[in-house]
Amino acid sequence: MTYQEKYKVLIDQLKSYKKVVVAFSGGVDSTFLLYAAKEALGENVLAVTIMSPYIPKWEIEEARELSASFGVRHEIIQAGIIDEIRNNPEDRCYLCKKAVFGKIIAAARDQGIDVVADGTNYDDMGDYRPGLRALGELEVKSPLKDSGLTKAEIRLLSKEAGLSTWDKPAYACLLTRIPYNTKLEEEAFIKIEAAEKIMMDAGFKAVRVRCHGDLARIEISREDRKRILDENLLDELSVKIKEAGFRYVTLDLEGYKMGSFNDTIEKR
């Protein structure tokens, strides 16, 4: 099936919902889903974004701006760090998704909407994503996945639709920057967010700042490794990241790897 045919399947599926709440982060997938939902259902769409200590403020603002540009109603829900994930367990994603989507489902019901949809795509089925189990248990719809759309196809369709997010790097919540079985502190999220913003402002878009206590382990794309090896730039970044709250700043020689902490699970 071509990506255009998959898009038609997506639109037909969205139309069958009549009304839908889209769990909206402002990333590539959820933005495209919100765009398609608006195309399919017009005013019968509500975007809901979670605001928490482990979601960067700039992501919340981008979600606000994108939903406004689509003319879609937008609700922001506050969510703290639930007790079940305070020590960042290996099933953290499952526990967090269960709690967060419980809040989104409650918000949907308050609006008289029965269907909640998220931006899981077809490629996500091949990664370690315990959160998908929570979505299944809560009967959250994943129409991008169900229509067979891959990340590359979503980017292509987003580009054709003129969406600014078509080439936006993948970005996961800040919980993924902290090793499993480590106590979660809000101060850590503050310094991680600040450090990643410093790196992004310096032109490193695909970046992760992994937090090991007072040590920042920076992962950048393999393509950017040569560019960062400039002594003046390294000194400047080190000073700024230390000012953000870290004592030591290191560069991961292997470069950015999605879900790098998952290796500690797979090797057991």
C-alpha atoms as a PDB file:
ATOM      1  CA  MET A   1       0.000   0.000   0.000  1.00  0.00           C
ATOM      2  CA  THR A   2       1.349   3.460  -0.911  1.00  0.00           C
ATOM      3  CA  TYR A   3       1.655   6.165   1.720  1.00  0.00           C
ATOM      4  CA  GLN A   4      -1.191   8.055   0.027  1.00  0.00           C
ATOM      5  CA  GLU A   5      -3.425   4.992   0.345  1.00  0.00           C
ATOM      6  CA  LYS A   6      -2.425   4.631   3.992  1.00  0.00           C
ATOM      7  CA  TYR A   7      -3.363   8.272   4.548  1.00  0.00           C
ATOM      8  CA  LYS A   8      -6.827   7.596   3.113  1.00  0.00           C
ATOM      9  CA  VAL A   9      -7.175   4.651   5.513  1.00  0.00           C
ATOM     10  CA  LEU A  10      -6.163   6.990   8.340  1.00  0.00           C
ATOM     11  CA  ILE A  11      -8.745   9.618   7.397  1.00  0.00           C
ATOM     12  CA  ASP A  12     -11.491   7.005   7.115  1.00  0.00           C
ATOM     13  CA  GLN A  13     -10.581   5.611  10.528  1.00  0.00           C
ATOM     14  CA  LEU A  14     -10.605   9.074  12.106  1.00  0.00           C
ATOM     15  CA  LYS A  15     -13.988   9.845  10.559  1.00  0.00           C
ATOM     16  CA  SER A  16     -15.385   6.692  12.150  1.00  0.00           C
ATOM     17  CA  TYR A  17     -14.614   8.114  15.603  1.00  0.00           C
ATOM     18  CA  LYS A  18     -17.064  11.025  15.127  1.00  0.00           C
ATOM     19  CA  LYS A  19     -15.215  12.908  17.903  1.00  0.00           C
ATOM     20  CA  VAL A  20     -11.678  12.425  19.187  1.00  0.00           C
ATOM     21  CA  VAL A  21      -9.218  13.649  21.795  1.00  0.00           C
ATOM     22  CA  VAL A  22      -5.634  13.630  20.504  1.00  0.00           C
ATOM     23  CA  ALA A  23      -2.872  13.172  23.084  1.00  0.00           C
ATOM     24  CA  PHE A  24      -0.703  15.981  21.768  1.00  0.00           C
ATOM     25  CA  SER A  25       2.997  16.471  22.503  1.00  0.00           C
ATOM     26  CA  GLY A  26       3.854  18.650  19.513  1.00  0.00           C
ATOM     27  CA  GLY A  27       6.194  16.025  18.068  1.00  0.00           C
ATOM     28  CA  VAL A  28       6.245  14.782  14.474  1.00  0.00           C
ATOM     29  CA  ASP A  29       3.688  12.012  14.965  1.00  0.00           C
ATOM     30  CA  SER A  30       1.133  13.683  17.214  1.00  0.00           C
ATOM     31  CA  THR A  31       1.255  16.862  15.138  1.00  0.00           C
ATOM     32  CA  PHE A  32       0.525  14.942  11.964  1.00  0.00           C
ATOM     33  CA  LEU A  33      -2.238  13.021  13.736  1.00  0.00           C
ATOM     34  CA  LEU A  34      -3.798  16.266  14.958  1.00  0.00           C
ATOM     35  CA  TYR A  35      -3.607  17.719  11.432  1.00  0.00           C
ATOM     36  CA  ALA A  36      -5.284  14.618   9.970  1.00  0.00           C
ATOM     37  CA  ALA A  37      -7.927  14.597  12.711  1.00  0.00           C
ATOM     38  CA  LYS A  38      -8.772  18.214  11.954  1.00  0.00           C
ATOM     39  CA  GLU A  39      -9.049  17.352   8.245  1.00  0.00           C
ATOM     40  CA  ALA A  40     -11.327  14.401   9.015  1.00  0.00           C
ATOM     41  CA  LEU A  41     -13.466  15.763  11.844  1.00  0.00           C
ATOM     42  CA  GLY A  42     -13.293  19.539  11.727  1.00  0.00           C
ATOM     43  CA  GLU A  43     -14.423  21.035  15.031  1.00  0.00           C
ATOM     44  CA  ASN A  44     -14.919  17.640  16.687  1.00  0.00           C
ATOM     45  CA  VAL A  45     -11.273  17.437  17.793  1.00  0.00           C
ATOM     46  CA  LEU A  46      -9.681  18.308  21.125  1.00  0.00           C
ATOM     47  CA  ALA A  47      -5.912  18.334  21.669  1.00  0.00           C
ATOM     48  CA  VAL A  48      -4.751  17.512  25.199  1.00  0.00           C
ATOM     49  CA  THR A  49      -1.176  18.110  26.338  1.00  0.00           C
ATOM     50  CA  ILE A  50       0.360  16.931  29.587  1.00  0.00           C
ATOM     51  CA  MET A  51       2.495  19.409  31.531  1.00  0.00           C
ATOM     52  CA  SER A  52       4.855  17.802  34.020  1.00  0.00           C
ATOM     53  CA  PRO A  53       8.363  18.274  35.470  1.00  0.00           C
ATOM     54  CA  TYR A  54       9.753  15.876  32.855  1.00  0.00           C
ATOM     55  CA  ILE A  55       8.272  17.664  29.832  1.00  0.00           C
ATOM     56  CA  PRO A  56      10.359  20.664  28.662  1.00  0.00           C
ATOM     57  CA  LYS A  57       8.570  24.006  28.796  1.00  0.00           C
ATOM     58  CA  TRP A  58       9.496  24.757  25.203  1.00  0.00           C
ATOM     59  CA  GLU A  59       7.641  21.615  24.094  1.00  0.00           C
ATOM     60  CA  ILE A  60       4.494  22.768  25.870  1.00  0.00           C
ATOM     61  CA  GLU A  61       4.730  26.158  24.174  1.00  0.00           C
ATOM     62  CA  GLU A  62       5.251  24.556  20.752  1.00  0.00           C
ATOM     63  CA  ALA A  63       2.195  22.353  21.318  1.00  0.00           C
ATOM     64  CA  ARG A  64       0.184  25.429  22.243  1.00  0.00           C
ATOM     65  CA  GLU A  65       1.271  27.267  19.092  1.00  0.00           C
ATOM     66  CA  LEU A  66       0.695  24.305  16.774  1.00  0.00           C
ATOM     67  CA  SER A  67      -2.811  23.573  18.019  1.00  0.00           C
ATOM     68  CA  ALA A  68      -3.672  27.257  17.637  1.00  0.00           C
ATOM     69  CA  SER A  69      -2.345  27.254  14.071  1.00  0.00           C
ATOM     70  CA  PHE A  70      -4.667  24.323  13.250  1.00  0.00           C
ATOM     71  CA  GLY A  71      -7.617  26.037  14.885  1.00  0.00           C
ATOM     72  CA  VAL A  72      -8.026  23.109  17.275  1.00  0.00           C
ATOM     73  CA  ARG A  73      -9.219  23.430  20.866  1.00  0.00           C
ATOM     74  CA  HIS A  74      -6.360  22.739  23.245  1.00  0.00           C
ATOM     75  CA  GLU A  75      -6.307  21.737  26.901  1.00  0.00           C
ATOM     76  CA  ILE A  76      -3.206  21.458  29.096  1.00  0.00           C
ATOM     77  CA  ILE A  77      -3.325  19.106  32.071  1.00  0.00           C
ATOM     78  CA  GLN A  78      -0.930  19.319  35.014  1.00  0.00           C
ATOM     79  CA  ALA A  79       0.643  16.027  36.092  1.00  0.00           C
ATOM     80  CA  GLY A  80       3.268  15.468  38.765  1.00  0.00           C
ATOM     81  CA  ILE A  81       5.668  12.585  39.312  1.00  0.00           C
ATOM     82  CA  ILE A  82       3.551   9.681  40.536  1.00  0.00           C
ATOM     83  CA  ASP A  83       4.855   7.650  43.486  1.00  0.00           C
ATOM     84  CA  GLU A  84       5.076   4.465  41.389  1.00  0.00           C
ATOM     85  CA  ILE A  85       7.874   5.904  39.227  1.00  0.00           C
ATOM     86  CA  ARG A  86       9.785   7.858  41.880  1.00  0.00           C
ATOM     87  CA  ASN A  87      12.727   5.451  41.576  1.00  0.00           C
ATOM     88  CA  ASN A  88      12.559   5.258  37.760  1.00  0.00           C
ATOM     89  CA  PRO A  89      11.761   1.518  37.485  1.00  0.00           C
ATOM     90  CA  GLU A  90      12.267  -0.381  34.258  1.00  0.00           C
ATOM     91  CA  ASP A  91       8.501  -0.449  33.688  1.00  0.00           C
ATOM     92  CA  ARG A  92       8.381   3.323  34.255  1.00  0.00           C
ATOM     93  CA  CYS A  93       6.927   3.988  30.816  1.00  0.00           C
ATOM     94  CA  TYR A  94       4.052   1.570  31.438  1.00  0.00           C
ATOM     95  CA  LEU A  95       3.241   3.074  34.844  1.00  0.00           C
ATOM     96  CA  CYS A  96       3.534   6.644  33.587  1.00  0.00           C
ATOM     97  CA  LYS A  97       1.421   6.059  30.481  1.00  0.00           C
ATOM     98  CA  LYS A  98      -1.255   4.365  32.582  1.00  0.00           C
ATOM     99  CA  ALA A  99      -1.469   7.372  34.911  1.00  0.00           C
ATOM    100  CA  VAL A 100      -1.145  10.096  32.262  1.00  0.00           C
ATOM    101  CA  PHE A 101      -3.614   8.597  29.821  1.00  0.00           C
ATOM    102  CA  GLY A 102      -6.006   8.024  32.694  1.00  0.00           C
ATOM    103  CA  LYS A 103      -6.026  11.802  33.098  1.00  0.00           C
ATOM    104  CA  ILE A 104      -6.500  12.329  29.349  1.00  0.00           C
ATOM    105  CA  ILE A 105      -9.383   9.844  29.234  1.00  0.00           C
ATOM    106  CA  ALA A 106     -11.029  11.635  32.152  1.00  0.00           C
ATOM    107  CA  ALA A 107     -10.669  14.955  30.320  1.00  0.00           C
ATOM    108  CA  ALA A 108     -12.217  13.381  27.210  1.00  0.00           C
ATOM    109  CA  ARG A 109     -15.193  12.096  29.154  1.00  0.00           C
ATOM    110  CA  ASP A 110     -15.714  15.546  30.667  1.00  0.00           C
ATOM    111  CA  GLN A 111     -16.099  16.798  27.095  1.00  0.00           C
ATOM    112  CA  GLY A 112     -18.438  13.955  26.116  1.00  0.00           C
ATOM    113  CA  ILE A 113     -15.798  12.304  23.900  1.00  0.00           C
ATOM    114  CA  ASP A 114     -15.358   8.533  23.956  1.00  0.00           C
ATOM    115  CA  VAL A 115     -12.221   8.131  21.830  1.00  0.00           C
ATOM    116  CA  VAL A 116      -8.658   9.061  22.797  1.00  0.00           C
ATOM    117  CA  ALA A 117      -5.942   8.661  20.146  1.00  0.00           C
ATOM    118  CA  ASP A 118      -2.165   8.836  20.390  1.00  0.00           C
ATOM    119  CA  GLY A 119       0.670   9.213  17.882  1.00  0.00           C
ATOM    120  CA  THR A 120       2.167   5.719  18.016  1.00  0.00           C
ATOM    121  CA  ASN A 121       3.333   4.825  14.491  1.00  0.00           C
ATOM    122  CA  TYR A 122       3.987   1.496  12.787  1.00  0.00           C
ATOM    123  CA  ASP A 123       7.747   1.622  13.426  1.00  0.00           C
ATOM    124  CA  ASP A 124       7.214   1.932  17.176  1.00  0.00           C
ATOM    125  CA  MET A 125       6.219  -1.717  17.332  1.00  0.00           C
ATOM    126  CA  GLY A 126       9.871  -2.742  16.885  1.00  0.00           C
ATOM    127  CA  ASP A 127      11.286  -0.841  19.897  1.00  0.00           C
ATOM    128  CA  TYR A 128      11.190  -1.500  23.628  1.00  0.00           C
ATOM    129  CA  ARG A 129       8.045   0.422  24.518  1.00  0.00           C
ATOM    130  CA  PRO A 130       6.289  -0.928  27.606  1.00  0.00           C
ATOM    131  CA  GLY A 131       3.967   2.082  27.423  1.00  0.00           C
ATOM    132  CA  LEU A 132       2.200   0.429  24.495  1.00  0.00           C
ATOM    133  CA  ARG A 133       0.817  -2.170  26.904  1.00  0.00           C
ATOM    134  CA  ALA A 134      -0.771   0.594  28.969  1.00  0.00           C
ATOM    135  CA  LEU A 135      -2.353   2.116  25.863  1.00  0.00           C
ATOM    136  CA  GLY A 136      -3.812  -1.264  24.968  1.00  0.00           C
ATOM    137  CA  GLU A 137      -5.237  -1.801  28.442  1.00  0.00           C
ATOM    138  CA  LEU A 138      -6.854   1.653  28.377  1.00  0.00           C
ATOM    139  CA  GLU A 139      -8.186   1.115  24.830  1.00  0.00           C
ATOM    140  CA  VAL A 140      -6.406   4.183  23.492  1.00  0.00           C
ATOM    141  CA  LYS A 141      -6.499   4.259  19.697  1.00  0.00           C
ATOM    142  CA  SER A 142      -3.302   4.460  17.616  1.00  0.00           C
ATOM    143  CA  PRO A 143      -4.588   5.261  14.129  1.00  0.00           C
ATOM    144  CA  LEU A 144      -1.154   5.989  12.633  1.00  0.00           C
ATOM    145  CA  LYS A 145      -0.015   2.503  13.606  1.00  0.00           C
ATOM    146  CA  ASP A 146      -3.273   0.901  12.533  1.00  0.00           C
ATOM    147  CA  SER A 147      -3.052   2.477   9.083  1.00  0.00           C
ATOM    148  CA  GLY A 148       0.509   1.180   8.691  1.00  0.00           C
ATOM    149  CA  LEU A 149       2.186   4.581   8.492  1.00  0.00           C
ATOM    150  CA  THR A 150       5.909   4.544   9.216  1.00  0.00           C
ATOM    151  CA  LYS A 151       7.937   7.439  10.595  1.00  0.00           C
ATOM    152  CA  ALA A 152       9.430   8.176   7.183  1.00  0.00           C
ATOM    153  CA  GLU A 153       5.965   8.234   5.571  1.00  0.00           C
ATOM    154  CA  ILE A 154       4.631  10.518   8.309  1.00  0.00           C
ATOM    155  CA  ARG A 155       7.517  12.919   7.714  1.00  0.00           C
ATOM    156  CA  LEU A 156       6.842  12.845   3.964  1.00  0.00           C
ATOM    157  CA  LEU A 157       3.118  13.465   4.392  1.00  0.00           C
ATOM    158  CA  SER A 158       3.869  16.217   6.916  1.00  0.00           C
ATOM    159  CA  LYS A 159       6.181  17.908   4.422  1.00  0.00           C
ATOM    160  CA  GLU A 160       3.575  17.692   1.686  1.00  0.00           C
ATOM    161  CA  ALA A 161       1.027  19.216   4.075  1.00  0.00           C
ATOM    162  CA  GLY A 162       3.391  22.092   4.886  1.00  0.00           C
ATOM    163  CA  LEU A 163       3.771  21.149   8.548  1.00  0.00           C
ATOM    164  CA  SER A 164       6.791  22.730  10.227  1.00  0.00           C
ATOM    165  CA  THR A 165       7.406  19.547  12.203  1.00  0.00           C
ATOM    166  CA  TRP A 166       8.169  17.373   9.175  1.00  0.00           C
ATOM    167  CA  ASP A 167      11.909  17.357   9.901  1.00  0.00           C
ATOM    168  CA  LYS A 168      11.753  17.833  13.666  1.00  0.00           C
ATOM    169  CA  PRO A 169      14.114  15.436  15.464  1.00  0.00           C
ATOM    170  CA  ALA A 170      12.585  12.713  17.603  1.00  0.00           C
ATOM    171  CA  TYR A 171      12.256  13.821  21.207  1.00  0.00           C
ATOM    172  CA  ALA A 172      11.291  11.696  24.195  1.00  0.00           C
ATOM    173  CA  CYS A 173      10.351  12.884  27.678  1.00  0.00           C
ATOM    174  CA  LEU A 174      13.153  13.716  30.105  1.00  0.00           C
ATOM    175  CA  LEU A 175      12.588  10.546  32.127  1.00  0.00           C
ATOM    176  CA  THR A 176      14.612   8.787  29.424  1.00  0.00           C
ATOM    177  CA  ARG A 177      17.681  10.878  30.327  1.00  0.00           C
ATOM    178  CA  ILE A 178      18.017   9.287  33.772  1.00  0.00           C
ATOM    179  CA  PRO A 179      19.247   5.717  34.429  1.00  0.00           C
ATOM    180  CA  TYR A 180      16.715   3.144  35.532  1.00  0.00           C
ATOM    181  CA  ASN A 181      16.398   2.543  39.268  1.00  0.00           C
ATOM    182  CA  THR A 182      17.518   6.075  40.123  1.00  0.00           C
ATOM    183  CA  LYS A 183      15.481   8.373  42.348  1.00  0.00           C
ATOM    184  CA  LEU A 184      13.787  11.101  40.299  1.00  0.00           C
ATOM    185  CA  GLU A 185      14.348  14.678  41.428  1.00  0.00           C
ATOM    186  CA  GLU A 186      12.736  17.728  39.829  1.00  0.00           C
ATOM    187  CA  GLU A 187      16.082  19.551  40.031  1.00  0.00           C
ATOM    188  CA  ALA A 188      17.552  16.977  37.639  1.00  0.00           C
ATOM    189  CA  PHE A 189      14.872  17.688  35.028  1.00  0.00           C
ATOM    190  CA  ILE A 190      15.522  21.419  35.310  1.00  0.00           C
ATOM    191  CA  LYS A 191      19.225  21.078  34.570  1.00  0.00           C
ATOM    192  CA  ILE A 192      18.695  18.488  31.826  1.00  0.00           C
ATOM    193  CA  GLU A 193      16.194  20.763  30.064  1.00  0.00           C
ATOM    194  CA  ALA A 194      18.557  23.723  30.366  1.00  0.00           C
ATOM    195  CA  ALA A 195      21.543  21.738  29.080  1.00  0.00           C
ATOM    196  CA  GLU A 196      19.656  20.367  26.087  1.00  0.00           C
ATOM    197  CA  LYS A 197      18.416  23.864  25.234  1.00  0.00           C
ATOM    198  CA  ILE A 198      22.040  25.065  25.295  1.00  0.00           C
ATOM    199  CA  MET A 199      23.011  22.311  22.867  1.00  0.00           C
ATOM    200  CA  MET A 200      20.033  22.990  20.582  1.00  0.00           C
ATOM    201  CA  ASP A 201      20.757  26.711  20.523  1.00  0.00           C
ATOM    202  CA  ALA A 202      24.297  25.802  19.428  1.00  0.00           C
ATOM    203  CA  GLY A 203      22.824  23.966  16.433  1.00  0.00           C
ATOM    204  CA  PHE A 204      22.776  20.369  17.720  1.00  0.00           C
ATOM    205  CA  LYS A 205      19.183  19.324  17.091  1.00  0.00           C
ATOM    206  CA  ALA A 206      19.404  15.557  17.653  1.00  0.00           C
ATOM    207  CA  VAL A 207      20.790  15.655  21.183  1.00  0.00           C
ATOM    208  CA  ARG A 208      20.327  13.922  24.521  1.00  0.00           C
ATOM    209  CA  VAL A 209      21.876  14.978  27.809  1.00  0.00           C
ATOM    210  CA  ARG A 210      21.930  11.853  29.948  1.00  0.00           C
ATOM    211  CA  CYS A 211      22.091  12.678  33.640  1.00  0.00           C
ATOM    212  CA  HIS A 212      24.355  10.623  35.911  1.00  0.00           C
ATOM    213  CA  GLY A 213      24.066  12.617  39.113  1.00  0.00           C
ATOM    214  CA  ASP A 214      26.284  15.673  38.689  1.00  0.00           C
ATOM    215  CA  LEU A 215      27.732  14.352  35.420  1.00  0.00           C
ATOM    216  CA  ALA A 216      26.180  15.182  32.029  1.00  0.00           C
ATOM    217  CA  ARG A 217      26.798  12.611  29.277  1.00  0.00           C
ATOM    218  CA  ILE A 218      26.033  14.292  25.969  1.00  0.00           C
ATOM    219  CA  GLU A 219      24.888  12.295  22.960  1.00  0.00           C
ATOM    220  CA  ILE A 220      24.789  14.031  19.577  1.00  0.00           C
ATOM    221  CA  SER A 221      24.196  12.679  16.079  1.00  0.00           C
ATOM    222  CA  ARG A 222      27.145  10.959  14.426  1.00  0.00           C
ATOM    223  CA  GLU A 223      27.039  13.628  11.713  1.00  0.00           C
ATOM    224  CA  ASP A 224      27.649  16.342  14.308  1.00  0.00           C
ATOM    225  CA  ARG A 225      30.637  14.730  16.011  1.00  0.00           C
ATOM    226  CA  LYS A 226      33.192  16.455  13.803  1.00  0.00           C
ATOM    227  CA  ARG A 227      31.600  19.853  14.281  1.00  0.00           C
ATOM    228  CA  ILE A 228      31.623  19.671  18.052  1.00  0.00           C
ATOM    229  CA  LEU A 229      35.363  18.924  18.157  1.00  0.00           C
ATOM    230  CA  ASP A 230      36.241  22.590  18.116  1.00  0.00           C
ATOM    231  CA  GLU A 231      38.139  23.639  21.227  1.00  0.00           C
ATOM    232  CA  ASN A 232      36.446  27.012  21.575  1.00  0.00           C
ATOM    233  CA  LEU A 233      32.981  25.478  21.125  1.00  0.00           C
ATOM    234  CA  LEU A 234      33.734  22.701  23.601  1.00  0.00           C
ATOM    235  CA  ASP A 235      34.901  25.222  26.186  1.00  0.00           C
ATOM    236  CA  GLU A 236      31.817  27.389  25.660  1.00  0.00           C
ATOM    237  CA  LEU A 237      29.415  24.461  25.958  1.00  0.00           C
ATOM    238  CA  SER A 238      31.184  23.133  29.037  1.00  0.00           C
ATOM    239  CA  VAL A 239      30.934  26.459  30.850  1.00  0.00           C
ATOM    240  CA  LYS A 240      27.250  26.906  30.010  1.00  0.00           C
ATOM    241  CA  ILE A 241      26.238  23.354  30.908  1.00  0.00           C
ATOM    242  CA  LYS A 242      28.054  23.605  34.229  1.00  0.00           C
ATOM    243  CA  GLU A 243      26.202  26.852  34.872  1.00  0.00           C
ATOM    244  CA  ALA A 244      22.990  24.874  34.260  1.00  0.00           C
ATOM    245  CA  GLY A 245      23.812  22.719  37.285  1.00  0.00           C
ATOM    246  CA  PHE A 246      26.214  19.948  36.257  1.00  0.00           C
ATOM    247  CA  ARG A 247      29.681  19.587  37.758  1.00  0.00           C
ATOM    248  CA  TYR A 248      31.157  17.433  34.983  1.00  0.00           C
ATOM    249  CA  VAL A 249      30.414  17.443  31.244  1.00  0.00           C
ATOM    250  CA  THR A 250      31.315  14.501  29.004  1.00  0.00           C
ATOM    251  CA  LEU A 251      30.745  13.584  25.352  1.00  0.00           C
ATOM    252  CA  ASP A 252      29.563  10.078  24.488  1.00  0.00           C
ATOM    253  CA  LEU A 253      31.971   8.927  21.782  1.00  0.00           C
ATOM    254  CA  GLU A 254      29.395   6.651  20.134  1.00  0.00           C
ATOM    255  CA  GLY A 255      26.976   9.514  19.517  1.00  0.00           C
ATOM    256  CA  TYR A 256      23.206   9.643  19.936  1.00  0.00           C
ATOM    257  CA  LYS A 257      21.394   6.358  20.316  1.00  0.00           C
ATOM    258  CA  MET A 258      17.634   6.259  20.868  1.00  0.00           C
ATOM    259  CA  GLY A 259      16.763   4.675  24.190  1.00  0.00           C
ATOM    260  CA  SER A 260      20.385   4.077  25.151  1.00  0.00           C
ATOM    261  CA  PHE A 261      19.463   3.169  28.735  1.00  0.00           C
ATOM    262  CA  ASN A 262      17.398   0.286  27.377  1.00  0.00           C
ATOM    263  CA  ASP A 263      20.675  -1.554  26.735  1.00  0.00           C
ATOM    264  CA  THR A 264      20.951  -2.108  30.475  1.00  0.00           C
ATOM    265  CA  ILE A 265      17.725  -4.117  30.303  1.00  0.00           C
ATOM    266  CA  GLU A 266      18.507  -6.110  27.170  1.00  0.00           C
ATOM    267  CA  LYS A 267      21.888  -7.300  28.486  1.00  0.00           C
ATOM    268  CA  ARG A 268      20.419  -8.911  31.591  1.00  0.00           C
END
